[in-house]
N, C-alpha and C. Protein backbone atom coordinates (compact mmCIF):
# COMPACT_ATOMS: atom_id res chain seq x y z
N MET A 1 68.59 97.86 72.49
CA MET A 1 69.51 97.43 72.17
C MET A 1 70.52 98.30 71.47
N ARG A 2 71.65 97.55 70.74
CA ARG A 2 72.58 98.42 70.16
C ARG A 2 72.48 97.42 68.67
N TYR A 3 72.89 99.09 68.11
CA TYR A 3 73.06 98.55 66.52
C TYR A 3 73.72 99.39 65.85
N VAL A 4 74.31 98.16 64.67
CA VAL A 4 75.21 98.76 63.80
C VAL A 4 74.86 98.40 62.16
N ILE A 5 74.39 99.51 61.69
CA ILE A 5 73.84 99.48 60.47
C ILE A 5 74.76 99.97 59.41
N ARG A 6 75.08 99.13 58.14
CA ARG A 6 76.44 99.39 57.50
C ARG A 6 75.53 99.88 56.24
N VAL A 7 76.21 101.15 55.65
CA VAL A 7 75.26 101.07 54.37
C VAL A 7 76.29 101.61 52.84
N LYS A 8 76.20 101.19 51.83
CA LYS A 8 77.18 101.41 50.79
C LYS A 8 77.09 103.32 50.79
N GLY A 9 78.37 103.79 50.69
CA GLY A 9 78.89 105.36 50.28
C GLY A 9 78.87 105.92 51.62
N HIS A 10 79.29 106.90 51.57
CA HIS A 10 79.71 107.71 52.39
C HIS A 10 78.36 108.84 53.07
N LEU A 11 77.80 108.49 53.90
CA LEU A 11 76.65 109.58 54.38
C LEU A 11 77.14 110.44 54.82
N ASP A 12 76.56 111.53 54.44
CA ASP A 12 76.50 113.28 55.00
C ASP A 12 76.28 113.08 56.77
N PRO A 13 77.62 113.49 57.47
CA PRO A 13 76.56 113.32 58.89
C PRO A 13 75.81 114.75 58.93
N PHE A 14 75.20 115.44 58.52
CA PHE A 14 73.94 116.42 58.08
C PHE A 14 72.81 115.12 58.73
N TRP A 15 72.68 114.10 58.24
CA TRP A 15 71.52 112.85 58.66
C TRP A 15 71.49 112.97 59.58
N GLN A 16 73.06 112.83 60.80
CA GLN A 16 73.12 112.19 62.13
C GLN A 16 71.09 112.60 62.59
N GLU A 17 71.22 113.62 62.95
CA GLU A 17 69.59 113.90 64.14
C GLU A 17 68.47 113.14 63.29
N TRP A 18 68.20 112.72 61.54
CA TRP A 18 67.43 112.56 60.94
C TRP A 18 67.83 110.94 61.44
N PHE A 19 68.52 110.35 61.26
CA PHE A 19 68.50 108.44 61.56
C PHE A 19 68.80 108.71 63.15
N GLU A 20 68.16 109.15 63.92
CA GLU A 20 67.57 109.11 65.39
C GLU A 20 69.44 109.17 66.08
N HIS A 21 69.89 110.13 65.69
CA HIS A 21 71.26 110.35 66.59
C HIS A 21 72.08 109.14 66.42
N LEU A 22 71.56 108.64 65.55
CA LEU A 22 73.24 107.25 65.71
C LEU A 22 74.38 107.74 65.08
N SER A 23 75.42 107.38 65.66
CA SER A 23 76.49 107.56 65.21
C SER A 23 76.90 107.34 63.73
N ILE A 24 77.83 108.61 63.05
CA ILE A 24 77.46 108.17 61.49
C ILE A 24 79.43 108.33 61.87
N THR A 25 79.69 106.95 61.03
CA THR A 25 81.49 106.94 60.67
C THR A 25 81.70 106.11 59.72
N HIS A 26 82.79 106.94 58.40
CA HIS A 26 82.90 107.00 57.40
C HIS A 26 84.03 105.53 57.32
N GLU A 27 83.77 104.50 57.04
CA GLU A 27 84.87 103.32 57.13
C GLU A 27 85.57 103.65 55.59
N ARG A 28 86.89 103.06 55.82
CA ARG A 28 87.59 103.25 54.26
C ARG A 28 87.51 102.75 52.88
N ASP A 29 86.69 101.60 53.24
CA ASP A 29 86.39 100.54 52.13
C ASP A 29 84.74 101.71 51.40
N GLY A 30 84.88 102.36 51.84
CA GLY A 30 83.56 103.50 50.96
C GLY A 30 82.32 103.40 51.82
N THR A 31 82.20 103.05 53.13
CA THR A 31 81.27 102.55 53.71
C THR A 31 80.73 103.41 54.81
N THR A 32 79.54 103.46 54.93
CA THR A 32 79.12 104.19 56.62
C THR A 32 78.49 103.40 57.58
N LEU A 33 79.17 103.59 58.93
CA LEU A 33 78.12 102.82 59.62
C LEU A 33 77.52 103.99 60.77
N LEU A 34 76.30 103.74 60.77
CA LEU A 34 75.69 103.96 61.75
C LEU A 34 74.96 103.66 62.51
N SER A 35 75.59 103.98 63.95
CA SER A 35 75.91 102.84 65.30
C SER A 35 75.26 103.46 66.37
N GLY A 36 74.51 102.93 67.22
CA GLY A 36 74.19 103.37 68.59
C GLY A 36 72.65 102.51 69.16
N GLN A 37 71.93 102.84 70.19
CA GLN A 37 70.82 102.67 71.04
C GLN A 37 69.30 102.85 70.04
N ILE A 38 68.71 101.61 69.81
CA ILE A 38 67.59 102.18 69.02
C ILE A 38 66.60 101.16 69.95
N ARG A 39 66.24 102.09 70.71
CA ARG A 39 64.70 101.28 71.82
C ARG A 39 63.88 100.45 71.46
N ASP A 40 63.20 100.82 69.99
CA ASP A 40 62.34 99.36 69.85
C ASP A 40 62.64 99.10 68.25
N GLN A 41 61.76 98.21 67.96
CA GLN A 41 61.69 97.38 66.77
C GLN A 41 60.94 98.89 65.39
N ALA A 42 60.20 99.24 66.54
CA ALA A 42 59.43 100.48 65.39
C ALA A 42 60.38 101.13 64.86
N VAL A 43 61.43 101.94 65.63
CA VAL A 43 62.51 103.18 65.73
C VAL A 43 63.29 102.31 64.35
N LEU A 44 63.34 101.35 64.84
CA LEU A 44 64.48 100.55 63.44
C LEU A 44 63.57 100.44 62.26
N TYR A 45 62.52 100.18 62.50
CA TYR A 45 61.89 100.24 60.65
C TYR A 45 61.83 101.50 60.25
N GLY A 46 61.58 102.28 61.14
CA GLY A 46 61.24 103.76 60.69
C GLY A 46 62.85 104.04 60.12
N ILE A 47 64.07 103.82 61.01
CA ILE A 47 65.47 104.15 60.29
C ILE A 47 65.50 103.39 58.97
N LEU A 48 64.96 102.34 58.94
CA LEU A 48 65.54 101.23 57.70
C LEU A 48 64.70 101.93 56.26
N ILE A 49 63.43 102.55 57.04
CA ILE A 49 62.40 102.95 55.68
C ILE A 49 63.25 104.57 55.46
N LYS A 50 63.57 105.46 55.93
CA LYS A 50 64.31 106.04 55.90
C LYS A 50 65.66 106.38 54.78
N MET A 51 66.38 105.08 54.72
CA MET A 51 67.34 104.32 54.41
C MET A 51 66.99 104.32 52.68
N ARG A 52 65.67 103.42 52.86
CA ARG A 52 65.26 103.05 51.15
C ARG A 52 64.57 104.14 50.70
N ASP A 53 64.19 105.15 51.46
CA ASP A 53 63.81 106.37 50.58
C ASP A 53 64.71 107.01 50.22
N LEU A 54 66.20 107.51 50.83
CA LEU A 54 67.01 107.95 50.60
C LEU A 54 67.83 107.53 49.66
N GLY A 55 67.14 106.27 48.92
CA GLY A 55 68.04 105.28 48.16
C GLY A 55 69.58 104.29 48.27
N LEU A 56 69.43 104.46 50.17
CA LEU A 56 70.98 103.88 50.24
C LEU A 56 70.88 102.45 50.26
N THR A 57 72.21 101.37 50.22
CA THR A 57 72.00 99.97 49.75
C THR A 57 72.60 99.47 51.28
N LEU A 58 71.74 99.17 51.82
CA LEU A 58 71.93 98.43 53.07
C LEU A 58 72.56 96.66 53.02
N LEU A 59 74.08 97.12 53.48
CA LEU A 59 74.88 95.81 53.42
C LEU A 59 74.73 95.10 54.51
N GLU A 60 74.42 95.67 55.73
CA GLU A 60 74.79 94.55 57.14
C GLU A 60 74.05 95.81 58.49
N LEU A 61 73.21 94.64 59.23
CA LEU A 61 72.96 95.12 60.21
C LEU A 61 72.74 93.98 61.47
N SER A 62 73.09 94.68 62.21
CA SER A 62 74.07 93.69 63.50
C SER A 62 73.55 94.24 64.83
N THR A 63 73.34 93.17 65.84
CA THR A 63 73.15 93.68 67.09
C THR A 63 74.46 93.51 68.01
N SER A 64 74.22 94.26 69.28
CA SER A 64 74.91 93.74 70.08
C SER A 64 74.40 94.03 71.37
N ALA A 65 74.52 93.86 73.13
CA ALA A 65 73.97 93.53 73.79
C ALA A 65 74.40 95.01 74.43
N PRO A 66 73.42 95.65 75.13
CA PRO A 66 73.33 97.09 75.58
C PRO A 66 75.02 97.55 76.45
N ILE A 67 75.31 98.24 76.14
CA ILE A 67 76.16 98.63 77.36
C ILE A 67 75.88 98.99 78.36
N LYS A 68 76.47 98.69 79.23
CA LYS A 68 76.29 98.39 81.23
C LYS A 68 76.82 99.80 81.50
N PRO A 69 75.30 100.24 82.26
CA PRO A 69 75.58 101.46 82.67
C PRO A 69 76.65 101.49 83.82
N PRO A 70 76.85 102.79 83.85
CA PRO A 70 78.04 103.27 85.26
C PRO A 70 77.62 102.54 86.35
N GLU A 71 76.50 102.25 86.87
CA GLU A 71 76.17 101.51 88.38
C GLU A 71 76.95 100.08 88.08
N GLU A 72 76.58 99.47 87.59
CA GLU A 72 76.95 97.97 86.95
C GLU A 72 78.45 98.26 86.59
N TRP A 73 79.05 99.18 86.14
CA TRP A 73 80.59 99.27 86.29
C TRP A 73 81.30 99.08 87.56
N ALA A 74 80.15 99.99 88.44
CA ALA A 74 81.19 100.26 89.32
C ALA A 74 80.76 99.15 90.96
N ALA A 75 79.40 98.55 90.18
CA ALA A 75 79.79 97.20 91.18
C ALA A 75 80.16 95.88 90.83
N LEU A 76 81.08 96.25 89.55
CA LEU A 76 81.86 94.82 89.30
C LEU A 76 83.46 95.42 89.52
N LEU A 77 83.42 96.34 89.44
CA LEU A 77 84.75 97.18 89.80
C LEU A 77 84.81 96.81 91.49
N THR A 78 83.92 97.43 92.39
CA THR A 78 84.12 97.31 93.38
C THR A 78 84.08 95.90 93.84
N ALA A 79 83.77 94.84 93.46
CA ALA A 79 83.50 93.50 93.52
C ALA A 79 85.11 92.32 93.36
N ALA A 80 85.47 93.61 92.27
CA ALA A 80 86.61 92.96 91.57
C ALA A 80 88.28 93.58 93.20
N LEU A 81 88.02 94.69 93.56
CA LEU A 81 88.92 95.12 94.00
C LEU A 81 88.96 94.93 95.60
N HIS A 82 87.54 94.25 95.82
CA HIS A 82 87.54 93.37 97.24
C HIS A 82 88.35 91.87 97.32
N ARG A 83 87.94 91.23 95.92
CA ARG A 83 88.95 90.12 96.00
C ARG A 83 90.21 90.62 95.82
N CYS A 84 91.05 91.73 95.43
CA CYS A 84 92.28 92.29 95.67
C CYS A 84 92.97 92.63 96.88
N SER A 85 93.97 91.94 97.41
CA SER A 85 94.81 92.70 98.82
C SER A 85 94.83 93.97 98.86
N CYS A 86 95.25 94.14 97.66
CA CYS A 86 95.25 95.98 98.20
C CYS A 86 94.00 96.71 98.44
N ALA A 87 93.03 96.50 98.09
CA ALA A 87 91.85 97.06 98.28
C ALA A 87 91.37 97.56 99.98
N ASP A 88 92.19 97.38 100.76
CA ASP A 88 91.48 97.73 101.62
C ASP A 88 92.20 99.15 102.02
N ASP A 89 92.81 99.54 101.22
CA ASP A 89 93.38 101.42 101.75
C ASP A 89 92.61 102.07 100.47
N MET A 90 91.71 101.29 99.49
CA MET A 90 91.37 102.04 98.43
C MET A 90 90.21 102.38 98.33
N GLU A 91 89.99 103.68 97.55
CA GLU A 91 88.07 103.90 97.78
C GLU A 91 87.93 104.00 96.33
N LEU A 92 86.44 103.88 96.11
CA LEU A 92 85.93 103.87 94.67
C LEU A 92 85.56 105.56 94.45
N PHE A 93 85.65 105.86 93.28
CA PHE A 93 84.98 107.00 92.92
C PHE A 93 84.66 107.17 91.56
N LEU A 94 83.65 107.50 91.05
CA LEU A 94 82.77 107.41 89.75
C LEU A 94 83.38 108.87 89.22
N ILE A 95 83.27 109.26 88.50
CA ILE A 95 83.65 110.66 87.52
C ILE A 95 82.59 110.36 86.47
N GLU A 96 81.09 110.76 86.54
CA GLU A 96 80.36 111.46 85.42
C GLU A 96 80.37 112.37 84.79
N ASP A 97 80.13 112.46 83.63
CA ASP A 97 80.31 112.79 82.38
C ASP A 97 79.29 114.32 82.56
């Protein structure tokens, strides 16, 4: 599951590894967003405990559906191209990082 956690203040990026490699983003309003995949509730609770131990103020915790893997994107794009009349002469190439 993908999580977004907002805390009060700006958290130094130094802590990224300790917080399970979540992305750390400083917002203009003086808060920090930690976001990314968290594999289960045990890991989530561990992160929340670490935040408590650092004295961070939790402002928000939200979830979103996981981002679809590239294989699913390719299937969706291929299906869309086949519905298009221009798809006859096109080939689909995936570029992987």
